[in-house]
Protein backbone atom coordinates (compact mmCIF):
# COMPACT_ATOMS: atom_id res chain seq x y z
CA UNK A 1 -21.83 37.67 27.74
CA UNK A 2 -20.08 35.17 29.99
CA UNK A 3 -20.61 32.39 27.47
CA UNK A 4 -19.14 34.49 24.68
CA UNK A 5 -16.18 35.45 26.86
CA UNK A 6 -15.59 31.81 27.75
CA UNK A 7 -15.58 30.59 24.15
CA UNK A 8 -12.28 29.95 22.40
CA UNK A 9 -11.62 31.84 19.19
CA UNK A 10 -11.41 29.85 15.92
CA UNK A 11 -7.67 30.61 15.77
CA UNK A 12 -7.06 29.11 19.22
CA UNK A 13 -9.18 26.08 18.33
CA UNK A 14 -7.16 25.65 15.14
CA UNK A 15 -3.82 25.65 16.98
CA UNK A 16 -5.15 23.31 19.66
CA UNK A 17 -6.28 20.90 16.93
CA UNK A 18 -2.89 21.13 15.21
CA UNK A 19 -1.13 20.43 18.52
CA UNK A 20 -3.33 17.39 19.20
CA UNK A 21 -2.74 16.05 15.69
CA UNK A 22 1.03 16.54 16.10
CA UNK A 23 1.01 14.65 19.40
CA UNK A 24 -1.03 11.83 17.87
CA UNK A 25 1.27 11.51 14.86
CA UNK A 26 4.35 11.57 17.11
CA UNK A 27 2.87 8.74 19.16
CA UNK A 28 1.99 6.77 16.01
CA UNK A 29 5.53 7.21 14.71
CA UNK A 30 6.95 6.00 18.03
CA UNK A 31 4.91 2.78 17.93
CA UNK A 32 4.77 2.46 14.14
CA UNK A 33 5.91 -1.16 14.17
CA UNK A 34 3.01 -2.21 16.38
CA UNK A 35 0.47 -0.13 14.43
CA UNK A 36 1.67 -1.61 11.13
CA UNK A 37 1.29 -5.11 12.57
CA UNK A 38 -2.24 -4.47 13.84
CA UNK A 39 -3.43 -2.85 10.59
CA UNK A 40 -1.81 -5.59 8.48
CA UNK A 41 -3.47 -8.26 10.64
CA UNK A 42 -6.86 -6.55 10.32
CA UNK A 43 -6.52 -6.32 6.52
CA UNK A 44 -5.51 -9.99 6.30
CA UNK A 45 -8.53 -10.96 8.39
CA UNK A 46 -10.96 -8.84 6.37
CA UNK A 47 -9.58 -10.33 3.16
CA UNK A 48 -9.89 -13.89 4.50
CA UNK A 49 -13.50 -13.69 5.67
CA UNK A 50 -14.98 -14.54 2.23
CA UNK A 51 -13.18 -17.90 2.47
CA UNK A 52 -14.53 -18.46 5.98
CA UNK A 53 -18.12 -17.52 5.17
CA UNK A 54 -18.01 -19.29 1.81
CA UNK A 55 -17.06 -22.57 3.49
CA UNK A 56 -19.82 -22.10 6.08
CA UNK A 57 -22.41 -21.54 3.30
CA UNK A 58 -21.36 -24.84 1.72
CA UNK A 59 -22.18 -26.67 4.94
CA UNK A 60 -18.66 -27.01 6.35
CA UNK A 61 -18.61 -27.09 10.15
CA UNK A 62 -17.61 -23.64 11.52
CA UNK A 63 -14.56 -25.00 13.36
CA UNK A 64 -13.32 -26.84 10.26
CA UNK A 65 -14.01 -23.76 8.10
CA UNK A 66 -12.01 -21.68 10.58
CA UNK A 67 -9.09 -24.14 10.52
CA UNK A 68 -8.99 -24.29 6.71
CA UNK A 69 -9.09 -20.49 6.44
CA UNK A 70 -6.29 -20.16 8.98
CA UNK A 71 -4.06 -22.66 7.17
CA UNK A 72 -4.56 -20.92 3.81
CA UNK A 73 -3.85 -17.46 5.26
CA UNK A 74 -0.71 -18.49 7.14
CA UNK A 75 0.66 -20.58 4.28
CA UNK A 76 0.43 -17.63 1.88
CA UNK A 77 1.71 -15.04 4.36
CA UNK A 78 4.69 -17.09 5.61
CA UNK A 79 5.66 -18.05 2.04
CA UNK A 80 5.70 -14.38 1.02
CA UNK A 81 7.77 -13.37 4.07
CA UNK A 82 10.38 -16.11 3.58
CA UNK A 83 10.64 -15.46 -0.14
CA UNK A 84 11.04 -11.70 0.27
CA UNK A 85 13.68 -12.06 3.00
CA UNK A 86 15.77 -14.49 0.91
CA UNK A 87 15.56 -12.33 -2.22
CA UNK A 88 16.46 -9.13 -0.37
CA UNK A 89 19.39 -10.81 1.37
CA UNK A 90 20.84 -11.76 -2.01
CA UNK A 91 20.39 -8.22 -3.30
CA UNK A 92 22.07 -6.66 -0.25
CA UNK A 93 25.05 -8.98 -0.73
CA UNK A 94 25.40 -7.74 -4.33
CA UNK A 95 25.20 -4.02 -3.44
CA UNK A 96 29.02 -3.50 -3.20
CA UNK A 97 29.37 -4.77 -6.78
CA UNK A 98 26.80 -2.28 -8.00
CA UNK A 99 28.51 0.51 -6.08
CA UNK A 100 31.67 -0.16 -8.11
CA UNK A 101 29.63 -0.14 -11.33
CA UNK A 102 28.12 3.21 -10.37
CA UNK A 103 31.58 4.73 -9.89
CA UNK A 104 32.66 3.34 -13.26
CA UNK A 105 29.54 4.75 -14.94
CA UNK A 106 30.09 8.17 -13.38
CA UNK A 107 33.71 8.18 -14.60
CA UNK A 108 32.55 7.28 -18.11
CA UNK A 109 29.99 10.08 -18.10
CA UNK A 110 32.63 12.56 -16.92
CA UNK A 111 35.03 11.49 -19.66
CA UNK A 112 32.27 11.75 -22.29
CA UNK A 113 31.32 15.28 -21.20
CA UNK A 114 34.98 16.33 -21.19
CA UNK A 115 35.42 14.90 -24.71
CA UNK A 116 32.63 17.21 -25.90
CA UNK A 117 34.60 20.21 -24.69
CA UNK A 118 31.74 21.63 -22.60
CA UNK A 119 33.48 21.41 -19.25
CA UNK A 120 34.36 25.08 -19.16
CA UNK A 121 32.54 26.64 -16.22
CA UNK A 122 31.10 23.22 -15.30
CA UNK A 123 32.19 21.64 -12.01
CA UNK A 124 31.62 17.94 -12.67
CA UNK A 125 32.74 16.78 -9.24
CA UNK A 126 30.31 19.14 -7.54
CA UNK A 127 27.48 17.97 -9.80
CA UNK A 128 28.23 14.32 -9.05
CA UNK A 129 28.34 15.02 -5.31
CA UNK A 130 24.89 16.62 -5.54
CA UNK A 131 23.44 13.65 -7.46
CA UNK A 132 25.22 10.98 -5.32
CA UNK A 133 24.31 7.95 -7.45
CA UNK A 134 25.23 5.62 -4.58
CA UNK A 135 22.31 7.05 -2.62
CA UNK A 136 19.91 5.33 -5.00
CA UNK A 137 21.13 1.91 -3.86
CA UNK A 138 21.01 3.05 -0.23
CA UNK A 139 17.37 4.17 -0.63
CA UNK A 140 16.44 0.84 -2.24
CA UNK A 141 18.12 -1.17 0.53
CA UNK A 142 16.54 0.95 3.29
CA UNK A 143 13.09 0.59 1.74
CA UNK A 144 13.39 -3.20 1.56
CA UNK A 145 14.78 -3.35 5.09
CA UNK A 146 11.77 -1.41 6.38
CA UNK A 147 9.40 -3.60 4.38
CA UNK A 148 10.93 -6.78 5.81
CA UNK A 149 10.70 -5.27 9.29
CA UNK A 150 6.99 -4.72 8.79
CA UNK A 151 6.43 -8.28 7.57
CA UNK A 152 8.81 -10.16 9.83
CA UNK A 153 6.82 -10.11 13.08
CA UNK A 154 5.03 -13.25 11.99
CA UNK A 155 4.22 -14.40 15.51
CA UNK A 156 2.33 -11.25 16.50
CA UNK A 157 0.51 -11.09 13.15
CA UNK A 158 -0.48 -14.75 13.53
CA UNK A 159 -1.71 -14.22 17.09
CA UNK A 160 -3.88 -11.24 16.14
CA UNK A 161 -5.28 -12.94 13.02
CA UNK A 162 -6.16 -16.07 15.03
CA UNK A 163 -8.32 -14.13 17.47
CA UNK A 164 -9.80 -11.80 14.84
CA UNK A 165 -10.96 -14.81 12.79
CA UNK A 166 -12.51 -16.31 15.92
CA UNK A 167 -14.53 -13.11 16.36
CA UNK A 168 -15.35 -13.09 12.65
CA UNK A 169 -17.15 -16.43 13.02
CA UNK A 170 -19.91 -14.88 15.10
CA UNK A 171 -19.76 -11.34 13.77
CA UNK A 172 -22.66 -11.60 11.23
CA UNK A 173 -25.04 -12.71 13.99
CA UNK A 174 -23.90 -9.87 16.24
CA UNK A 175 -24.43 -7.11 13.71
CA UNK A 176 -27.56 -8.58 12.08
CA UNK A 177 -30.06 -6.72 14.33
CA UNK A 178 -28.33 -3.38 13.71
CA UNK A 179 -28.23 -3.80 9.94
CA UNK A 180 -31.85 -4.94 9.81
CA UNK A 181 -33.02 -1.77 11.59
CA UNK A 182 -30.81 0.38 9.36
CA UNK A 183 -28.24 1.49 11.94
CA UNK A 184 -26.13 3.92 9.93
CA UNK A 185 -22.91 3.47 11.91
CA UNK A 186 -22.87 -0.34 11.71
CA UNK A 187 -23.95 -0.28 8.07
CA UNK A 188 -21.24 2.25 7.23
CA UNK A 189 -18.56 0.14 8.93
CA UNK A 190 -19.79 -3.03 7.21
CA UNK A 191 -19.86 -1.31 3.82
CA UNK A 192 -16.37 0.05 4.40
CA UNK A 193 -15.15 -3.46 5.25
CA UNK A 194 -16.63 -4.78 2.00
CA UNK A 195 -14.96 -1.96 0.03
CA UNK A 196 -11.57 -2.62 1.60
CA UNK A 197 -11.97 -6.34 1.01
CA UNK A 198 -12.68 -5.86 -2.68
CA UNK A 199 -9.77 -3.42 -2.98
CA UNK A 200 -7.38 -5.92 -1.36
CA UNK A 201 -8.63 -8.95 -3.32
CA UNK A 202 -8.63 -7.22 -6.73
CA UNK A 203 -5.28 -5.54 -6.07
CA UNK A 204 -3.73 -8.83 -4.92
CA UNK A 205 -4.87 -10.74 -8.01
CA UNK A 206 -3.89 -7.98 -10.45
CA UNK A 207 -0.61 -7.34 -8.59
CA UNK A 208 0.25 -11.04 -8.68
CA UNK A 209 -0.35 -11.21 -12.43
CA UNK A 210 1.68 -8.02 -12.94
CA UNK A 211 4.55 -9.34 -10.82
CA UNK A 212 4.69 -12.58 -12.80
CA UNK A 213 4.67 -10.75 -16.15
CA UNK A 214 7.34 -8.32 -14.93
CA UNK A 215 9.51 -11.21 -13.73
CA UNK A 216 9.28 -12.95 -17.12
CA UNK A 217 10.10 -9.67 -18.87
CA UNK A 218 13.14 -9.07 -16.61
CA UNK A 219 14.37 -12.62 -17.28
CA UNK A 220 14.15 -11.99 -21.02
CA UNK A 221 15.99 -8.67 -20.66
CA UNK A 222 18.67 -10.20 -18.43
CA UNK A 223 18.07 -7.87 -15.47
CA UNK A 224 19.63 -9.15 -12.24
CA UNK A 225 17.27 -10.33 -9.47
CA UNK A 226 14.22 -10.49 -11.75
CA UNK A 227 12.09 -12.26 -9.15
CA UNK A 228 12.86 -9.62 -6.52
CA UNK A 229 11.73 -6.82 -8.83
CA UNK A 230 8.61 -8.82 -9.68
CA UNK A 231 7.86 -9.08 -5.96
CA UNK A 232 8.46 -5.34 -5.62
CA UNK A 233 5.96 -4.72 -8.44
CA UNK A 234 3.46 -6.90 -6.57
CA UNK A 235 3.81 -4.88 -3.35
CA UNK A 236 3.79 -1.56 -5.17
CA UNK A 237 0.48 -2.49 -6.82
CA UNK A 238 -1.10 -1.64 -3.46
CA UNK A 239 -0.13 2.00 -4.07
CA UNK A 240 -2.38 3.38 -6.84
CA UNK A 241 -1.02 6.04 -9.23
CA UNK A 242 2.46 6.18 -7.66
CA UNK A 243 3.25 2.52 -7.03
CA UNK A 244 4.40 1.28 -10.40
CA UNK A 245 6.65 4.34 -10.86
CA UNK A 246 8.40 3.39 -7.61
CA UNK A 247 8.67 -0.24 -8.77
CA UNK A 248 10.16 0.95 -12.05
CA UNK A 249 13.25 2.64 -10.59
CA UNK A 250 15.42 -0.33 -9.39
CA UNK A 251 15.19 -2.59 -12.50
CA UNK A 252 15.68 0.34 -14.89
CA UNK A 253 18.66 1.52 -12.84
CA UNK A 254 20.22 -1.97 -12.83
CA UNK A 255 19.59 -2.35 -16.57
CA UNK A 256 21.44 0.95 -17.08
CA UNK A 257 24.40 -0.30 -15.02
CA UNK A 258 24.53 -3.73 -16.61
CA UNK A 259 23.64 -3.17 -20.27
CA UNK A 260 23.57 0.55 -21.00
CA UNK A 261 20.93 3.16 -21.84
CA UNK A 262 19.24 1.27 -24.70
CA UNK A 263 18.46 -1.71 -22.48
CA UNK A 264 17.33 0.61 -19.67
CA UNK A 265 14.96 2.37 -22.09
CA UNK A 266 13.46 -0.94 -23.24
CA UNK A 267 12.97 -2.04 -19.60
CA UNK A 268 11.37 1.32 -18.82
CA UNK A 269 8.91 1.05 -21.73
CA UNK A 270 8.10 -2.59 -20.91
CA UNK A 271 7.27 -1.81 -17.26
CA UNK A 272 5.15 1.20 -18.24
CA UNK A 273 3.16 -0.94 -20.70
CA UNK A 274 2.63 -3.91 -18.36
CA UNK A 275 2.08 -2.08 -15.07
CA UNK A 276 0.34 0.91 -16.63
CA UNK A 277 -2.20 -1.35 -18.34
CA UNK A 278 -2.89 -3.17 -15.07
CA UNK A 279 -3.16 0.08 -13.11
CA UNK A 280 -5.29 2.10 -15.52
CA UNK A 281 -7.37 -0.53 -17.34
CA UNK A 282 -7.66 -3.80 -15.43
CA UNK A 283 -7.99 -2.47 -11.87
CA UNK A 284 -10.70 0.13 -12.57
CA UNK A 285 -12.73 -2.45 -14.50
CA UNK A 286 -12.90 -4.92 -11.60
CA UNK A 287 -12.61 -2.59 -8.63
CA UNK A 288 -15.41 -0.20 -9.53
CA UNK A 289 -15.80 2.86 -7.30
CA UNK A 290 -14.66 1.30 -4.02
CA UNK A 291 -11.43 3.33 -3.84
CA UNK A 292 -13.06 6.74 -4.45
CA UNK A 293 -9.92 8.78 -3.68
CA UNK A 294 -8.63 11.60 -5.85
CA UNK A 295 -5.14 11.18 -7.40
CA UNK A 296 -3.73 13.92 -5.17
CA UNK A 297 -5.18 12.23 -2.07
CA UNK A 298 -3.57 8.93 -3.06
CA UNK A 299 -0.13 10.46 -3.67
CA UNK A 300 -0.30 12.60 -0.53
CA UNK A 301 -1.42 9.65 1.61
CA UNK A 302 1.50 7.54 0.38
CA UNK A 303 4.00 10.27 1.27
CA UNK A 304 2.28 11.15 4.55
CA UNK A 305 1.86 7.63 5.93
CA UNK A 306 5.36 6.65 4.79
CA UNK A 307 6.71 9.51 6.90
CA UNK A 308 4.59 8.47 9.90
CA UNK A 309 4.71 4.66 9.71
CA UNK A 310 7.79 3.94 7.58
CA UNK A 311 7.93 1.87 4.36
CA UNK A 312 4.97 -0.29 5.43
CA UNK A 313 2.98 2.93 5.66
CA UNK A 314 3.23 3.25 1.87
CA UNK A 315 1.67 -0.20 1.43
CA UNK A 316 -1.07 0.45 4.00
CA UNK A 317 -1.68 4.09 3.07
CA UNK A 318 -4.76 3.58 0.91
CA UNK A 319 -6.75 1.43 3.40
CA UNK A 320 -5.83 3.82 6.23
CA UNK A 321 -6.93 6.84 4.19
CA UNK A 322 -10.13 5.08 3.14
CA UNK A 323 -10.89 4.41 6.82
CA UNK A 324 -10.19 8.02 7.80
CA UNK A 325 -12.43 9.32 5.02
CA UNK A 326 -15.31 6.84 5.38
CA UNK A 327 -15.45 6.33 9.14
CA UNK A 328 -14.31 9.68 10.54
CA UNK A 329 -14.95 12.47 8.04
CA UNK A 330 -18.11 11.33 6.24
CA UNK A 331 -20.25 10.71 9.37
CA UNK A 332 -19.32 14.18 10.70
CA UNK A 333 -21.58 16.77 9.09
CA UNK A 334 -19.10 19.58 9.79
CA UNK A 335 -16.24 17.77 8.04
CA UNK A 336 -18.11 16.00 5.26
CA UNK A 337 -16.94 18.67 2.80
CA UNK A 338 -13.36 17.49 3.37
CA UNK A 339 -14.38 13.91 2.57
CA UNK A 340 -15.93 15.17 -0.66
CA UNK A 341 -12.71 16.98 -1.56
CA UNK A 342 -10.78 13.74 -1.05
CA UNK A 343 -13.17 11.81 -3.30
CA UNK A 344 -12.56 11.03 -6.94
CA UNK A 345 -15.98 12.34 -7.99
CA UNK A 346 -18.90 14.39 -6.62
CA UNK A 347 -21.37 12.65 -4.30
CA UNK A 348 -25.11 12.93 -3.93
CA UNK A 349 -25.40 13.26 -0.16
CA UNK A 350 -29.18 12.95 -0.26
CA UNK A 351 -28.89 9.25 -0.97
CA UNK A 352 -29.11 6.94 2.03
CA UNK A 353 -26.77 4.06 2.61
CA UNK A 354 -28.44 0.92 1.34
CA UNK A 355 -28.73 -1.90 3.83
CA UNK A 356 -28.10 -5.53 3.04
CA UNK A 357 -27.90 -8.82 4.88
CA UNK A 358 -25.02 -9.31 7.35
CA UNK A 359 -23.64 -12.35 5.53
CA UNK A 360 -23.61 -10.51 2.18
CA UNK A 361 -21.91 -7.46 3.66
CA UNK A 362 -19.27 -9.51 5.47
CA UNK A 363 -18.63 -11.62 2.37
CA UNK A 364 -18.20 -8.51 0.19
CA UNK A 365 -21.14 -9.20 -2.10
CA UNK A 366 -23.05 -6.50 -3.94
CA UNK A 367 -26.17 -5.09 -2.18
């Protein structure tokens, strides 16, 4: 009797859980810059370990392998940061010109509608105020500003990556005994790391190819800042399902301002063909089942983590959601049903996690 009286009702437990989640998300939002930096550093390190372990397998001294890996990682990361900052600066400087073009386009549309004689009962000024075309440029600028903010703390990212790679040198030896005896927690974490690594590597290669093709296409079509939109397509490739639609908006909008609706339509079709082929054909072929997130989960995670962590949250949303699903929900028997709902396909839960050697797991090789 006393135990029953002392137990909390399911409703109270639910509201307590909601309150704790709200507090956690508020804290994450308050320190979003630091969280983004830590997660980005961890992803960079996980993606770089195949280089480190590959050099060690070829007989390179561990210290030299570490130094080579570090140089490659920092060279690529710093080049991307500098390039993005320069491109975005040029775009921001050109924004006032586009604002004038937007006003001119709106005036032309108003005159065209009035020439059709359908303005009776139609308040054009009110409709234009609701649409606020200038807001589109503001959203684009704010997104890029947030993205640069997430990438610009090079010193802290470098510091974290340096120490994480030092730990990565000895990590296979540390986890070897646990994997050999079939420790489910260590094996699950190692498998998750391999899945994230493959997702990042495949997405990076496919995104780079997509960005280059988009840039060439924009140059042919005469769209301003073609390289910037190619870089945007590269970053948006890290957001499955929703990413290339986001990357499509700025170049199509600029093509509409600069050359009219026909050019904008051609740009739209070209991006859908290039990016859609990469997203729906190339990625699934090389990525396999590592992502294992339903389309709704992907879209919701992008929106959710963008609200919590800012623009960088959209880029990091899939790895964060994969971690939440694989490391928190799946090991918990009471919440495993939620992990299954988030998955792209049904799972046979009777199957055990296959073990493999530490070096193979850390290098992202198949069991």
